[in-house]
Amino acid sequence: MIVRHEGWAVRRKIAALGFGIALLAAPLAARAQVAVGITLAPPAPRYEPVPPPRPGYVWAPGYWQWAGGRYAWNGGRWMAARPGYHWAPGAWSQGPRGWNYADGHWVH
């Protein structure tokens, strides 16, 4: 006598469907950007002496980041250069809903 466990098969199909949806949604979530309007203006940028040039690297200056309900300073860093590109540092701007930060990025 063969006993079928149809409930188990249904659960397995539902789990596979959920996994498939998660795989499709992951790339979309990776491209999502969250814009948070902050009413408190960022502090003035800190003075950071730029280190002497390093061949093959570009200096990315430090910036204020909104974290945990307050501003925190992220110090500058060296990044590997990309031939044919230059680094555009991030910047804070004031909009109708408060202050917004645009991340730094490479420009061709």
C-alpha atoms as a PDB file:
ATOM      1  CA  MET A   1       0.000   0.000   0.000  1.00  0.00           C
ATOM      2  CA  ILE A   2       1.399   3.401  -1.028  1.00  0.00           C
ATOM      3  CA  VAL A   3       0.543   6.371   1.143  1.00  0.00           C
ATOM      4  CA  ARG A   4       0.813   9.782  -0.498  1.00  0.00           C
ATOM      5  CA  HIS A   5       1.700  12.776   1.562  1.00  0.00           C
ATOM      6  CA  GLU A   6       0.128  15.453  -0.574  1.00  0.00           C
ATOM      7  CA  GLY A   7       0.537  18.063   2.146  1.00  0.00           C
ATOM      8  CA  TRP A   8       4.314  17.627   1.975  1.00  0.00           C
ATOM      9  CA  ALA A   9       4.336  18.016  -1.815  1.00  0.00           C
ATOM     10  CA  VAL A  10       2.268  21.192  -1.589  1.00  0.00           C
ATOM     11  CA  ARG A  11       4.603  22.638   1.051  1.00  0.00           C
ATOM     12  CA  ARG A  12       7.599  21.815  -1.150  1.00  0.00           C
ATOM     13  CA  LYS A  13       6.009  23.564  -4.156  1.00  0.00           C
ATOM     14  CA  ILE A  14       5.192  26.639  -2.063  1.00  0.00           C
ATOM     15  CA  ALA A  15       8.759  26.744  -0.731  1.00  0.00           C
ATOM     16  CA  ALA A  16      10.158  26.487  -4.284  1.00  0.00           C
ATOM     17  CA  LEU A  17       7.841  29.260  -5.456  1.00  0.00           C
ATOM     18  CA  GLY A  18       8.909  31.499  -2.557  1.00  0.00           C
ATOM     19  CA  PHE A  19      12.581  30.822  -3.317  1.00  0.00           C
ATOM     20  CA  GLY A  20      12.022  31.675  -6.990  1.00  0.00           C
ATOM     21  CA  ILE A  21      10.338  34.958  -6.079  1.00  0.00           C
ATOM     22  CA  ALA A  22      13.222  35.807  -3.731  1.00  0.00           C
ATOM     23  CA  LEU A  23      15.738  35.179  -6.532  1.00  0.00           C
ATOM     24  CA  LEU A  24      13.839  37.500  -8.859  1.00  0.00           C
ATOM     25  CA  ALA A  25      13.411  40.209  -6.234  1.00  0.00           C
ATOM     26  CA  ALA A  26      17.062  40.250  -5.088  1.00  0.00           C
ATOM     27  CA  PRO A  27      18.424  42.213  -8.089  1.00  0.00           C
ATOM     28  CA  LEU A  28      15.650  44.774  -7.697  1.00  0.00           C
ATOM     29  CA  ALA A  29      16.413  45.239  -4.009  1.00  0.00           C
ATOM     30  CA  ALA A  30      20.123  45.622  -4.774  1.00  0.00           C
ATOM     31  CA  ARG A  31      19.370  48.602  -7.020  1.00  0.00           C
ATOM     32  CA  ALA A  32      16.971  50.286  -4.602  1.00  0.00           C
ATOM     33  CA  GLN A  33      18.036  53.608  -3.125  1.00  0.00           C
ATOM     34  CA  VAL A  34      16.551  55.096  -0.017  1.00  0.00           C
ATOM     35  CA  ALA A  35      16.227  58.867   0.144  1.00  0.00           C
ATOM     36  CA  VAL A  36      15.934  60.193   3.666  1.00  0.00           C
ATOM     37  CA  GLY A  37      15.270  63.884   4.190  1.00  0.00           C
ATOM     38  CA  ILE A  38      17.117  65.050   7.306  1.00  0.00           C
ATOM     39  CA  THR A  39      15.995  68.335   8.812  1.00  0.00           C
ATOM     40  CA  LEU A  40      19.312  68.962  10.634  1.00  0.00           C
ATOM     41  CA  ALA A  41      21.982  70.421   8.326  1.00  0.00           C
ATOM     42  CA  PRO A  42      25.259  68.487   8.136  1.00  0.00           C
ATOM     43  CA  PRO A  43      28.251  69.988   9.959  1.00  0.00           C
ATOM     44  CA  ALA A  44      30.929  71.764   7.938  1.00  0.00           C
ATOM     45  CA  PRO A  45      33.350  69.320   6.290  1.00  0.00           C
ATOM     46  CA  ARG A  46      36.372  68.476   8.414  1.00  0.00           C
ATOM     47  CA  TYR A  47      39.780  69.541   7.225  1.00  0.00           C
ATOM     48  CA  GLU A  48      41.694  66.485   6.074  1.00  0.00           C
ATOM     49  CA  PRO A  49      45.179  66.929   4.699  1.00  0.00           C
ATOM     50  CA  VAL A  50      45.346  65.079   1.407  1.00  0.00           C
ATOM     51  CA  PRO A  51      48.216  62.595   1.510  1.00  0.00           C
ATOM     52  CA  PRO A  52      50.904  62.703  -1.197  1.00  0.00           C
ATOM     53  CA  PRO A  53      49.749  61.151  -4.502  1.00  0.00           C
ATOM     54  CA  ARG A  54      49.947  57.381  -4.929  1.00  0.00           C
ATOM     55  CA  PRO A  55      50.414  56.027  -8.445  1.00  0.00           C
ATOM     56  CA  GLY A  56      47.331  54.075  -9.549  1.00  0.00           C
ATOM     57  CA  TYR A  57      45.083  55.494  -6.814  1.00  0.00           C
ATOM     58  CA  VAL A  58      42.604  58.345  -6.371  1.00  0.00           C
ATOM     59  CA  TRP A  59      41.898  60.123  -3.077  1.00  0.00           C
ATOM     60  CA  ALA A  60      38.207  60.102  -2.063  1.00  0.00           C
ATOM     61  CA  PRO A  61      37.681  62.829   0.559  1.00  0.00           C
ATOM     62  CA  GLY A  62      35.862  62.199   3.809  1.00  0.00           C
ATOM     63  CA  TYR A  63      32.197  63.091   4.347  1.00  0.00           C
ATOM     64  CA  TRP A  64      29.508  63.292   7.000  1.00  0.00           C
ATOM     65  CA  GLN A  65      27.154  60.296   7.043  1.00  0.00           C
ATOM     66  CA  TRP A  66      23.764  60.191   8.784  1.00  0.00           C
ATOM     67  CA  ALA A  67      23.825  57.137  11.067  1.00  0.00           C
ATOM     68  CA  GLY A  68      21.885  56.288  14.198  1.00  0.00           C
ATOM     69  CA  GLY A  69      20.078  59.617  14.344  1.00  0.00           C
ATOM     70  CA  ARG A  70      23.253  61.717  14.151  1.00  0.00           C
ATOM     71  CA  TYR A  71      26.071  62.678  11.807  1.00  0.00           C
ATOM     72  CA  ALA A  72      29.243  60.582  11.859  1.00  0.00           C
ATOM     73  CA  TRP A  73      32.456  61.420  10.001  1.00  0.00           C
ATOM     74  CA  ASN A  74      33.809  58.926   7.451  1.00  0.00           C
ATOM     75  CA  GLY A  75      37.446  59.722   6.784  1.00  0.00           C
ATOM     76  CA  GLY A  76      38.928  59.971   3.298  1.00  0.00           C
ATOM     77  CA  ARG A  77      40.443  56.932   1.637  1.00  0.00           C
ATOM     78  CA  TRP A  78      42.486  55.804  -1.336  1.00  0.00           C
ATOM     79  CA  MET A  79      40.644  53.989  -4.126  1.00  0.00           C
ATOM     80  CA  ALA A  80      42.109  52.139  -7.083  1.00  0.00           C
ATOM     81  CA  ALA A  81      42.019  54.431 -10.120  1.00  0.00           C
ATOM     82  CA  ARG A  82      39.836  53.567 -13.101  1.00  0.00           C
ATOM     83  CA  PRO A  83      41.462  54.558 -16.402  1.00  0.00           C
ATOM     84  CA  GLY A  84      39.276  57.008 -18.328  1.00  0.00           C
ATOM     85  CA  TYR A  85      37.235  57.967 -15.221  1.00  0.00           C
ATOM     86  CA  HIS A  86      37.478  60.523 -12.448  1.00  0.00           C
ATOM     87  CA  TRP A  87      35.962  60.409  -8.958  1.00  0.00           C
ATOM     88  CA  ALA A  88      33.079  62.805  -8.216  1.00  0.00           C
ATOM     89  CA  PRO A  89      32.814  63.025  -4.408  1.00  0.00           C
ATOM     90  CA  GLY A  90      29.465  62.760  -2.644  1.00  0.00           C
ATOM     91  CA  ALA A  91      27.662  65.910  -1.600  1.00  0.00           C
ATOM     92  CA  TRP A  92      24.866  67.085   0.687  1.00  0.00           C
ATOM     93  CA  SER A  93      22.082  69.210  -0.781  1.00  0.00           C
ATOM     94  CA  GLN A  94      19.053  70.837   0.765  1.00  0.00           C
ATOM     95  CA  GLY A  95      15.701  69.948  -0.773  1.00  0.00           C
ATOM     96  CA  PRO A  96      12.063  70.636   0.060  1.00  0.00           C
ATOM     97  CA  ARG A  97      11.996  67.718   2.544  1.00  0.00           C
ATOM     98  CA  GLY A  98      15.343  68.362   4.221  1.00  0.00           C
ATOM     99  CA  TRP A  99      18.966  67.447   3.571  1.00  0.00           C
ATOM    100  CA  ASN A 100      19.866  64.618   1.180  1.00  0.00           C
ATOM    101  CA  TYR A 101      23.197  62.973   0.435  1.00  0.00           C
ATOM    102  CA  ALA A 102      24.226  61.887  -3.076  1.00  0.00           C
ATOM    103  CA  ASP A 103      26.930  59.201  -2.976  1.00  0.00           C
ATOM    104  CA  GLY A 104      30.262  59.725  -4.683  1.00  0.00           C
ATOM    105  CA  HIS A 105      30.633  57.984  -8.043  1.00  0.00           C
ATOM    106  CA  TRP A 106      32.911  57.454 -11.016  1.00  0.00           C
ATOM    107  CA  VAL A 107      32.369  59.713 -14.042  1.00  0.00           C
ATOM    108  CA  HIS A 108      33.510  58.709 -17.547  1.00  0.00           C
END
